[in-house]
N, C-alpha and C. Protein backbone atom coordinates (compact mmCIF):
# COMPACT_ATOMS: atom_id res chain seq x y z
N MET A 1 -10.54 5.73 -22.13
CA MET A 1 -10.04 7.04 -21.86
C MET A 1 -10.94 7.92 -21.44
N GLU A 2 -10.59 8.49 -20.77
CA GLU A 2 -11.94 9.49 -20.40
C GLU A 2 -11.67 10.64 -21.17
N THR A 3 -13.25 11.11 -21.69
CA THR A 3 -13.36 12.40 -22.39
C THR A 3 -13.63 13.66 -21.17
N PRO A 4 -13.43 14.62 -21.98
CA PRO A 4 -13.55 15.99 -21.58
C PRO A 4 -14.86 16.07 -20.67
N ASP A 5 -15.82 15.38 -21.30
CA ASP A 5 -17.21 15.74 -20.58
C ASP A 5 -17.22 14.89 -19.18
N ASP A 6 -16.87 13.37 -19.50
CA ASP A 6 -16.52 12.54 -18.63
C ASP A 6 -15.77 13.33 -16.74
N GLN A 7 -14.86 13.80 -17.44
CA GLN A 7 -13.90 15.01 -16.40
C GLN A 7 -14.52 15.98 -15.57
N ILE A 8 -15.08 16.74 -16.42
CA ILE A 8 -16.28 17.43 -16.23
C ILE A 8 -17.04 17.06 -15.21
N ARG A 9 -18.04 16.08 -15.75
CA ARG A 9 -19.17 15.24 -14.73
C ARG A 9 -18.37 14.88 -13.28
N ARG A 10 -17.34 14.29 -13.27
CA ARG A 10 -16.82 13.86 -12.11
C ARG A 10 -16.64 15.00 -11.08
N TRP A 11 -15.83 16.10 -11.84
CA TRP A 11 -15.76 17.16 -11.01
C TRP A 11 -16.84 17.54 -10.76
N CYS A 12 -17.92 17.79 -11.00
CA CYS A 12 -19.11 18.28 -10.73
C CYS A 12 -20.04 17.56 -9.26
N ARG A 13 -19.62 15.87 -9.94
CA ARG A 13 -20.45 15.21 -8.99
C ARG A 13 -19.22 15.11 -7.69
N ASP A 14 -18.20 14.94 -7.86
CA ASP A 14 -17.58 14.38 -6.50
C ASP A 14 -16.46 15.71 -6.28
N ASP A 15 -16.33 16.79 -7.15
CA ASP A 15 -15.15 17.77 -6.61
C ASP A 15 -13.78 17.23 -6.70
N ASP A 16 -13.62 16.51 -7.41
CA ASP A 16 -12.48 15.33 -8.30
C ASP A 16 -11.65 16.98 -8.83
N GLN A 17 -10.70 17.29 -8.16
CA GLN A 17 -9.54 18.27 -8.77
C GLN A 17 -8.65 18.11 -9.55
N VAL A 18 -8.40 16.79 -9.63
CA VAL A 18 -7.72 15.95 -10.35
C VAL A 18 -8.23 16.22 -12.04
N ALA A 19 -9.50 15.71 -11.82
CA ALA A 19 -10.21 15.43 -13.07
C ALA A 19 -10.16 17.02 -13.62
N PHE A 20 -10.69 18.09 -12.90
CA PHE A 20 -10.75 19.61 -13.43
C PHE A 20 -9.40 19.98 -14.19
N ASP A 21 -8.00 19.46 -13.34
CA ASP A 21 -6.83 19.93 -13.52
C ASP A 21 -6.90 19.20 -15.09
N ARG A 22 -7.13 18.27 -15.68
CA ARG A 22 -6.67 17.53 -16.62
C ARG A 22 -7.30 18.32 -17.87
N PHE A 23 -8.74 18.77 -17.47
CA PHE A 23 -9.57 19.27 -18.12
C PHE A 23 -8.81 20.67 -18.84
N TYR A 24 -8.51 21.29 -17.83
CA TYR A 24 -8.27 22.79 -17.85
C TYR A 24 -6.56 22.68 -18.71
N ARG A 25 -5.81 21.79 -18.30
CA ARG A 25 -3.99 21.61 -18.69
C ARG A 25 -4.54 21.35 -20.55
N VAL A 26 -5.54 20.66 -21.14
CA VAL A 26 -5.92 20.46 -22.35
C VAL A 26 -6.36 21.87 -23.35
N HIS A 27 -7.34 22.49 -22.28
CA HIS A 27 -8.34 23.23 -23.02
C HIS A 27 -7.71 24.79 -23.06
N ALA A 28 -6.91 24.95 -22.19
CA ALA A 28 -6.48 26.18 -21.63
C ALA A 28 -5.62 26.67 -22.60
N GLU A 29 -4.86 25.55 -23.00
CA GLU A 29 -3.58 26.07 -24.23
C GLU A 29 -4.39 25.94 -25.52
N ARG A 30 -5.49 25.48 -26.02
CA ARG A 30 -6.02 25.01 -27.18
C ARG A 30 -6.93 26.75 -27.16
N LEU A 31 -7.66 26.72 -26.23
CA LEU A 31 -8.49 28.37 -25.99
C LEU A 31 -7.50 29.20 -26.36
N TRP A 32 -6.24 29.52 -25.77
CA TRP A 32 -5.56 30.41 -25.74
C TRP A 32 -4.88 31.01 -27.35
N ARG A 33 -4.47 29.37 -28.14
CA ARG A 33 -4.36 29.46 -29.41
C ARG A 33 -5.24 30.17 -30.45
N PHE A 34 -6.54 29.69 -29.81
CA PHE A 34 -7.68 30.23 -30.99
C PHE A 34 -7.77 31.43 -30.79
N LEU A 35 -7.61 32.17 -29.12
CA LEU A 35 -8.06 33.71 -29.63
C LEU A 35 -6.69 34.27 -30.21
N VAL A 36 -5.63 34.18 -29.71
CA VAL A 36 -4.62 34.63 -30.52
C VAL A 36 -4.63 34.47 -32.02
N ALA A 37 -4.67 33.65 -32.81
CA ALA A 37 -5.14 33.34 -34.19
C ALA A 37 -6.21 34.37 -34.47
N ARG A 38 -7.41 34.21 -33.78
CA ARG A 38 -8.29 35.74 -33.78
C ARG A 38 -7.85 36.81 -33.94
N GLY A 39 -6.87 37.21 -33.46
CA GLY A 39 -6.26 38.40 -33.24
C GLY A 39 -5.77 39.28 -31.76
N VAL A 40 -6.44 38.38 -30.80
CA VAL A 40 -6.17 38.80 -29.42
C VAL A 40 -4.79 38.93 -29.18
N HIS A 41 -4.00 40.16 -28.26
CA HIS A 41 -3.02 39.86 -28.15
C HIS A 41 -2.69 39.07 -26.93
N PRO A 42 -1.54 38.11 -27.00
CA PRO A 42 -1.06 36.94 -26.18
C PRO A 42 -1.40 37.28 -25.12
N GLU A 43 -1.17 38.45 -24.59
CA GLU A 43 -1.39 38.86 -22.68
C GLU A 43 -2.77 38.93 -22.72
N GLY A 44 -3.49 39.56 -23.79
CA GLY A 44 -5.14 39.41 -23.52
C GLY A 44 -5.51 38.59 -23.44
N ALA A 45 -5.04 37.16 -24.79
CA ALA A 45 -5.81 36.10 -24.76
C ALA A 45 -5.56 35.21 -22.96
N TYR A 46 -4.23 35.46 -22.57
CA TYR A 46 -4.48 34.88 -21.12
C TYR A 46 -5.44 35.10 -20.20
N ASP A 47 -5.70 36.40 -20.47
CA ASP A 47 -6.60 37.29 -19.50
C ASP A 47 -8.13 36.90 -19.87
N VAL A 48 -8.54 36.48 -21.19
CA VAL A 48 -9.65 36.10 -21.73
C VAL A 48 -9.65 34.44 -21.23
N VAL A 49 -8.66 33.82 -21.28
CA VAL A 49 -8.75 32.55 -21.43
C VAL A 49 -9.22 32.22 -19.37
N ALA A 50 -8.32 33.08 -18.51
CA ALA A 50 -8.69 33.39 -17.28
C ALA A 50 -9.94 33.60 -16.75
N ASP A 51 -10.65 34.54 -17.52
CA ASP A 51 -12.10 34.98 -17.26
C ASP A 51 -13.14 33.80 -18.16
N SER A 52 -12.83 33.03 -18.98
CA SER A 52 -13.78 32.43 -19.48
C SER A 52 -13.99 31.14 -18.47
N PHE A 53 -12.54 30.70 -17.93
CA PHE A 53 -12.67 29.39 -16.63
C PHE A 53 -13.42 29.64 -15.65
N GLU A 54 -13.30 30.80 -15.46
CA GLU A 54 -13.84 31.77 -13.88
C GLU A 54 -15.41 31.25 -14.20
N ARG A 55 -16.16 31.95 -15.23
CA ARG A 55 -17.52 32.17 -15.75
C ARG A 55 -17.60 30.32 -16.13
N PHE A 56 -16.72 30.27 -16.53
CA PHE A 56 -17.07 28.45 -16.86
C PHE A 56 -17.37 27.61 -15.35
N VAL A 57 -16.49 27.49 -14.60
CA VAL A 57 -16.61 26.94 -13.37
C VAL A 57 -17.81 27.48 -13.08
N LYS A 58 -17.99 28.68 -12.89
CA LYS A 58 -19.65 29.33 -12.22
C LYS A 58 -21.06 28.35 -12.74
N THR A 59 -20.81 27.86 -13.94
CA THR A 59 -22.06 27.25 -14.65
C THR A 59 -21.98 26.48 -15.17
N VAL A 60 -20.91 25.71 -15.17
CA VAL A 60 -20.84 24.24 -15.88
C VAL A 60 -21.77 23.14 -15.40
N CYS A 61 -21.80 23.28 -13.78
CA CYS A 61 -22.49 22.14 -13.02
C CYS A 61 -23.79 22.09 -13.10
N LYS A 62 -24.19 23.37 -13.57
CA LYS A 62 -25.87 23.24 -13.71
C LYS A 62 -26.12 22.45 -15.01
N ARG A 63 -25.35 22.38 -16.28
CA ARG A 63 -25.51 21.55 -16.83
C ARG A 63 -24.36 20.96 -17.89
N PRO A 64 -23.76 19.85 -17.18
CA PRO A 64 -22.32 19.66 -17.55
C PRO A 64 -22.51 18.76 -18.77
N ASP A 65 -23.31 18.47 -19.69
CA ASP A 65 -23.39 17.99 -20.96
C ASP A 65 -22.68 17.92 -22.06
N ALA A 66 -22.18 19.62 -22.20
CA ALA A 66 -21.23 19.59 -23.10
C ALA A 66 -20.47 20.65 -22.77
N PRO A 67 -19.30 20.56 -22.19
CA PRO A 67 -18.25 21.27 -21.17
C PRO A 67 -17.57 22.06 -22.19
N VAL A 68 -17.07 21.36 -23.45
CA VAL A 68 -16.15 21.92 -24.16
C VAL A 68 -16.51 22.99 -25.04
N ALA A 69 -18.13 22.59 -25.39
CA ALA A 69 -19.12 23.84 -26.32
C ALA A 69 -19.27 24.93 -25.49
N LEU A 70 -19.39 24.62 -24.07
CA LEU A 70 -19.93 25.85 -23.29
C LEU A 70 -18.28 26.55 -22.83
N LEU A 71 -17.48 26.26 -22.89
CA LEU A 71 -16.16 26.96 -22.63
C LEU A 71 -16.03 27.85 -23.87
N TYR A 72 -16.17 27.00 -25.02
CA TYR A 72 -15.71 27.87 -26.14
C TYR A 72 -16.62 28.90 -26.21
N ARG A 73 -18.04 28.74 -26.21
CA ARG A 73 -19.20 29.81 -25.76
C ARG A 73 -18.71 30.91 -25.10
N ILE A 74 -18.53 30.85 -23.96
CA ILE A 74 -18.07 31.67 -23.14
C ILE A 74 -17.07 32.40 -23.46
N ALA A 75 -15.89 31.83 -23.89
CA ALA A 75 -14.69 32.51 -24.74
C ALA A 75 -15.09 33.27 -25.49
N LEU A 76 -16.02 32.98 -26.81
CA LEU A 76 -15.98 33.74 -27.70
C LEU A 76 -16.76 34.88 -27.40
N ASN A 77 -17.77 34.83 -26.73
CA ASN A 77 -18.57 35.94 -25.77
C ASN A 77 -17.15 36.86 -25.28
N ALA A 78 -16.51 36.48 -24.36
CA ALA A 78 -15.47 37.20 -23.60
C ALA A 78 -14.23 38.00 -24.71
N ALA A 79 -14.26 36.79 -25.63
CA ALA A 79 -13.23 37.71 -26.27
C ALA A 79 -13.84 38.82 -26.99
N THR A 80 -15.15 38.66 -27.57
CA THR A 80 -15.27 39.96 -28.28
C THR A 80 -15.29 41.47 -27.64
N ASP A 81 -15.21 41.31 -26.39
CA ASP A 81 -14.88 42.72 -25.96
C ASP A 81 -13.39 42.86 -26.08
N SER A 82 -12.52 41.76 -25.68
CA SER A 82 -11.21 42.01 -25.85
C SER A 82 -10.66 42.21 -27.08
N TRP A 83 -11.48 41.63 -28.40
CA TRP A 83 -10.84 42.16 -29.36
C TRP A 83 -11.10 43.47 -29.74
N ARG A 84 -12.18 44.10 -28.79
CA ARG A 84 -12.52 45.77 -29.30
C ARG A 84 -11.02 45.97 -28.57
N ARG A 85 -11.07 46.33 -27.32
CA ARG A 85 -10.05 46.67 -26.51
C ARG A 85 -8.31 46.29 -26.67
N GLN A 86 -8.19 45.13 -27.39
CA GLN A 86 -6.69 44.47 -27.15
C GLN A 86 -6.41 44.35 -28.80
N ARG A 87 -7.00 44.23 -29.82
CA ARG A 87 -6.58 44.02 -31.29
C ARG A 87 -5.15 44.62 -31.52
N VAL A 88 -4.28 43.77 -31.61
CA VAL A 88 -3.08 44.22 -31.82
C VAL A 88 -2.68 44.69 -33.58
N ARG A 89 -3.57 43.67 -34.30
CA ARG A 89 -3.33 43.98 -35.78
C ARG A 89 -4.40 43.43 -36.38
N GLU A 90 -4.55 43.99 -37.20
CA GLU A 90 -5.77 43.47 -38.37
C GLU A 90 -5.43 42.33 -38.87
N PRO A 91 -6.42 41.61 -39.05
CA PRO A 91 -6.26 40.43 -40.47
C PRO A 91 -5.55 40.76 -41.84
N GLY A 92 -4.34 39.72 -41.61
CA GLY A 92 -3.29 40.01 -42.90
C GLY A 92 -2.45 40.92 -42.75
N GLU A 93 -2.75 41.91 -41.54
CA GLU A 93 -1.35 42.57 -41.42
C GLU A 93 -0.10 41.74 -40.60
N ALA A 94 0.87 41.99 -40.98
CA ALA A 94 2.57 41.22 -40.48
C ALA A 94 2.21 40.86 -38.88
N ALA A 95 2.43 39.93 -38.42
CA ALA A 95 2.69 39.68 -37.30
C ALA A 95 4.05 40.45 -36.84
N ASP A 96 4.25 41.09 -35.60
CA ASP A 96 5.60 41.44 -35.11
C ASP A 96 5.93 40.32 -34.07
N PRO A 97 6.99 39.27 -33.97
CA PRO A 97 7.08 38.64 -33.10
C PRO A 97 7.34 39.16 -31.36
N ASP A 98 7.81 40.05 -31.48
CA ASP A 98 8.36 40.97 -30.43
C ASP A 98 6.89 41.62 -29.74
N GLN A 99 5.93 41.86 -30.12
CA GLN A 99 4.95 42.71 -29.84
C GLN A 99 3.92 41.76 -29.00
N LEU A 100 3.49 40.53 -29.97
CA LEU A 100 3.09 39.13 -29.68
C LEU A 100 3.57 38.78 -28.74
N GLY A 101 4.89 38.44 -28.65
CA GLY A 101 5.36 37.59 -27.55
C GLY A 101 5.08 36.31 -27.88
N VAL A 102 5.34 35.95 -29.27
CA VAL A 102 5.44 34.67 -29.76
C VAL A 102 6.72 34.31 -30.72
N ASP A 103 7.20 33.34 -31.21
CA ASP A 103 8.35 32.95 -31.65
C ASP A 103 8.01 33.33 -33.04
N ALA A 104 9.19 33.68 -34.19
CA ALA A 104 9.12 33.91 -35.58
C ALA A 104 8.22 33.13 -36.08
N GLY A 105 8.42 31.43 -35.93
CA GLY A 105 7.51 30.66 -36.79
C GLY A 105 6.03 31.13 -36.42
N GLU A 106 5.96 31.00 -35.25
CA GLU A 106 4.46 31.30 -34.68
C GLU A 106 3.91 32.52 -35.55
N ALA A 107 4.65 33.45 -35.76
CA ALA A 107 4.22 34.64 -36.15
C ALA A 107 3.85 34.59 -37.41
N GLU A 108 4.57 33.94 -38.34
CA GLU A 108 4.43 33.69 -39.65
C GLU A 108 3.23 32.81 -40.04
N ARG A 109 3.19 32.02 -39.13
CA ARG A 109 2.05 30.94 -39.22
C ARG A 109 0.42 31.66 -38.95
N LEU A 110 0.76 32.66 -37.91
CA LEU A 110 -0.92 33.57 -38.20
C LEU A 110 -0.57 34.18 -39.17
N VAL A 111 0.14 34.70 -39.90
CA VAL A 111 -0.12 35.64 -40.87
C VAL A 111 -0.60 34.70 -41.87
N GLU A 112 -0.10 33.49 -42.48
CA GLU A 112 -0.68 32.36 -43.21
C GLU A 112 -2.08 32.29 -42.78
N VAL A 113 -2.35 32.23 -41.46
CA VAL A 113 -3.96 31.70 -40.98
C VAL A 113 -4.74 32.96 -41.48
N ASP A 114 -4.44 34.18 -41.24
CA ASP A 114 -5.24 35.32 -41.50
C ASP A 114 -5.05 35.70 -43.16
N GLN A 115 -4.28 35.13 -43.70
CA GLN A 115 -4.49 35.05 -45.25
C GLN A 115 -5.46 34.14 -46.04
N LEU A 116 -5.52 33.27 -45.30
CA LEU A 116 -6.49 31.91 -45.89
C LEU A 116 -8.01 32.43 -45.25
N LEU A 117 -7.84 33.44 -44.19
CA LEU A 117 -9.61 33.69 -43.31
C LEU A 117 -9.46 35.04 -43.91
N ALA A 118 -9.15 35.92 -44.40
CA ALA A 118 -9.30 37.07 -45.28
C ALA A 118 -10.91 37.24 -45.65
N ASP A 119 -10.99 36.37 -46.85
CA ASP A 119 -12.33 36.75 -47.70
C ASP A 119 -13.38 36.12 -47.01
N LEU A 120 -13.33 35.43 -45.63
CA LEU A 120 -14.31 34.70 -44.90
C LEU A 120 -15.09 35.14 -44.19
N ASP A 121 -16.12 35.09 -43.78
CA ASP A 121 -17.19 35.80 -43.01
C ASP A 121 -16.80 35.03 -41.60
N GLU A 122 -17.07 35.61 -40.61
CA GLU A 122 -16.67 35.82 -39.00
C GLU A 122 -17.12 34.26 -38.66
N SER A 123 -18.29 33.65 -39.13
CA SER A 123 -19.04 32.40 -38.77
C SER A 123 -18.12 31.35 -39.76
N GLU A 124 -17.42 31.47 -41.20
CA GLU A 124 -16.69 30.89 -41.57
C GLU A 124 -15.48 30.55 -40.74
N GLN A 125 -14.66 31.59 -40.54
CA GLN A 125 -13.40 31.74 -39.63
C GLN A 125 -13.52 30.92 -38.21
N ASN A 126 -14.61 31.03 -37.68
CA ASN A 126 -14.54 30.40 -36.31
C ASN A 126 -14.30 28.79 -36.84
N LEU A 127 -15.38 28.48 -37.77
CA LEU A 127 -15.47 26.90 -38.11
C LEU A 127 -14.08 26.47 -38.59
N LEU A 128 -13.17 27.10 -39.40
CA LEU A 128 -12.11 26.87 -39.61
C LEU A 128 -11.35 26.66 -38.47
N LEU A 129 -11.28 27.76 -37.68
CA LEU A 129 -10.10 27.85 -36.65
C LEU A 129 -10.30 26.65 -35.61
N LEU A 130 -11.58 26.49 -35.14
CA LEU A 130 -11.93 25.83 -34.31
C LEU A 130 -11.61 24.10 -34.56
N ARG A 131 -11.70 23.83 -35.91
CA ARG A 131 -11.46 22.41 -36.51
C ARG A 131 -10.18 22.48 -36.79
N TYR A 132 -9.45 23.40 -37.25
CA TYR A 132 -8.34 22.98 -37.83
C TYR A 132 -6.92 23.75 -36.99
N TRP A 133 -7.19 24.73 -36.18
CA TRP A 133 -6.43 25.49 -35.44
C TRP A 133 -6.43 25.03 -34.03
N VAL A 134 -7.62 24.59 -33.56
CA VAL A 134 -7.32 24.05 -31.99
C VAL A 134 -7.70 22.79 -32.28
N GLY A 135 -8.32 21.98 -33.47
CA GLY A 135 -8.16 20.53 -33.59
C GLY A 135 -9.48 19.95 -33.03
N MET A 136 -10.55 20.97 -32.88
CA MET A 136 -11.65 20.21 -32.42
C MET A 136 -12.61 19.20 -33.33
N THR A 137 -13.17 18.62 -33.00
CA THR A 137 -13.78 17.52 -33.93
C THR A 137 -15.11 18.02 -34.18
N HIS A 138 -15.64 17.43 -35.56
CA HIS A 138 -16.90 17.94 -36.20
C HIS A 138 -17.91 18.37 -35.06
N ARG A 139 -18.28 17.23 -33.91
CA ARG A 139 -19.35 17.34 -33.33
C ARG A 139 -18.92 18.20 -32.04
N GLU A 140 -17.48 18.55 -31.99
CA GLU A 140 -17.30 19.74 -30.85
C GLU A 140 -17.63 20.99 -31.21
N VAL A 141 -17.32 20.93 -32.61
CA VAL A 141 -17.33 22.42 -33.57
C VAL A 141 -18.99 22.69 -33.51
N ALA A 142 -19.56 21.74 -33.78
CA ALA A 142 -21.15 21.96 -33.56
C ALA A 142 -21.57 22.34 -32.39
N GLU A 143 -21.10 21.52 -31.69
CA GLU A 143 -21.82 22.38 -30.00
C GLU A 143 -21.43 23.64 -29.54
N VAL A 144 -20.52 24.24 -30.30
CA VAL A 144 -19.89 25.46 -29.82
C VAL A 144 -20.63 26.47 -30.38
N VAL A 145 -20.82 26.37 -31.96
CA VAL A 145 -21.59 26.83 -32.88
C VAL A 145 -23.16 27.02 -32.84
N PHE A 146 -23.63 26.13 -32.30
CA PHE A 146 -25.13 25.64 -31.80
C PHE A 146 -25.74 25.28 -33.26
N LEU A 147 -25.07 24.22 -33.89
CA LEU A 147 -25.74 23.65 -35.20
C LEU A 147 -25.56 22.26 -35.22
N PRO A 148 -26.19 21.35 -35.93
CA PRO A 148 -26.12 20.21 -36.07
C PRO A 148 -24.97 19.51 -36.53
N GLU A 149 -24.58 17.96 -36.28
CA GLU A 149 -23.20 17.97 -36.56
C GLU A 149 -23.06 18.31 -37.98
N GLY A 150 -24.55 17.27 -38.61
CA GLY A 150 -24.47 17.25 -40.17
C GLY A 150 -24.21 18.65 -40.92
N THR A 151 -24.63 19.44 -40.18
CA THR A 151 -24.94 20.87 -40.97
C THR A 151 -23.26 21.37 -40.64
N VAL A 152 -22.70 21.08 -39.70
CA VAL A 152 -20.92 21.35 -39.83
C VAL A 152 -20.03 20.82 -40.96
N ARG A 153 -20.72 19.75 -40.80
CA ARG A 153 -19.75 18.78 -41.54
C ARG A 153 -20.09 19.21 -42.98
N ARG A 154 -21.10 19.46 -43.31
CA ARG A 154 -21.81 20.25 -44.90
C ARG A 154 -20.72 21.65 -44.90
N ARG A 155 -21.34 22.34 -44.16
CA ARG A 155 -20.19 23.89 -44.34
C ARG A 155 -18.91 23.92 -44.61
N PHE A 156 -18.49 22.62 -43.69
CA PHE A 156 -17.09 22.50 -43.89
C PHE A 156 -16.76 21.92 -45.12
N ALA A 157 -17.33 21.00 -46.13
CA ALA A 157 -17.14 20.36 -47.17
C ALA A 157 -17.05 21.50 -48.52
N GLU A 158 -18.11 22.38 -48.19
CA GLU A 158 -18.54 23.33 -49.08
C GLU A 158 -17.35 24.67 -48.89
N LEU A 159 -17.19 24.49 -47.43
CA LEU A 159 -15.75 25.68 -47.46
C LEU A 159 -14.85 25.27 -48.03
N LEU A 160 -14.43 23.96 -47.82
CA LEU A 160 -12.95 23.67 -48.24
C LEU A 160 -12.92 23.64 -49.68
N GLY A 161 -14.46 23.19 -50.25
CA GLY A 161 -14.35 23.07 -51.91
C GLY A 161 -13.88 24.43 -52.56
N ARG A 162 -14.70 25.57 -52.05
CA ARG A 162 -14.46 26.75 -52.31
C ARG A 162 -13.11 27.18 -52.17
N LEU A 163 -12.36 26.95 -51.17
CA LEU A 163 -10.90 27.51 -50.69
C LEU A 163 -9.86 26.37 -51.82
N GLN A 164 -10.48 25.23 -52.10
CA GLN A 164 -9.49 24.81 -52.85
C GLN A 164 -9.41 25.18 -54.16
N GLN A 165 -10.95 25.99 -54.88
CA GLN A 165 -11.42 26.23 -56.05
C GLN A 165 -10.45 27.87 -56.30
N ASP A 166 -10.46 28.56 -54.85
CA ASP A 166 -9.78 29.52 -55.02
C ASP A 166 -8.15 29.40 -55.03
N GLY A 167 -7.68 27.81 -54.79
CA GLY A 167 -6.32 27.99 -54.82
C GLY A 167 -5.59 28.13 -53.38
N ARG A 168 -6.43 28.18 -52.33
CA ARG A 168 -6.13 28.63 -50.92
C ARG A 168 -6.02 26.96 -50.27
N ASN A 169 -5.61 26.07 -50.26
CA ASN A 169 -5.41 24.61 -49.58
C ASN A 169 -4.74 24.94 -48.44
């Protein structure tokens, strides 16, 4: 099975639009879900995803060794500005499905995620969201946050242990 790294390398090397389209279809939705979970309005999240992919396309072929990590680093930087401008709710605040443009079930899940993340610092929130909300592997998370994979695994274990002790599993 072709990995995201392989898809982007093929796109950079051969200008293979099909490979890029596959990469985009998988990662655009994952990235959007991550941004919405972080509090960006869904409409604004689409803009951040589009902006992130535009920046990604301009830079990835220079160093296509970790494209997923590069995409998320770009998106986190772009989202910082978006959060400042478009945050529609504070963490833990009830999510209005109509305001967010999501269904009631998704709004409930966002509130549950907020409650889980409420007492964590931003780096811990990003680790959990990237791993469990977006579904990245430990290796992918490590690439995004610029840490060795072993450190990410250790931090996850410590964080999950702490959450279980607090009764928030």
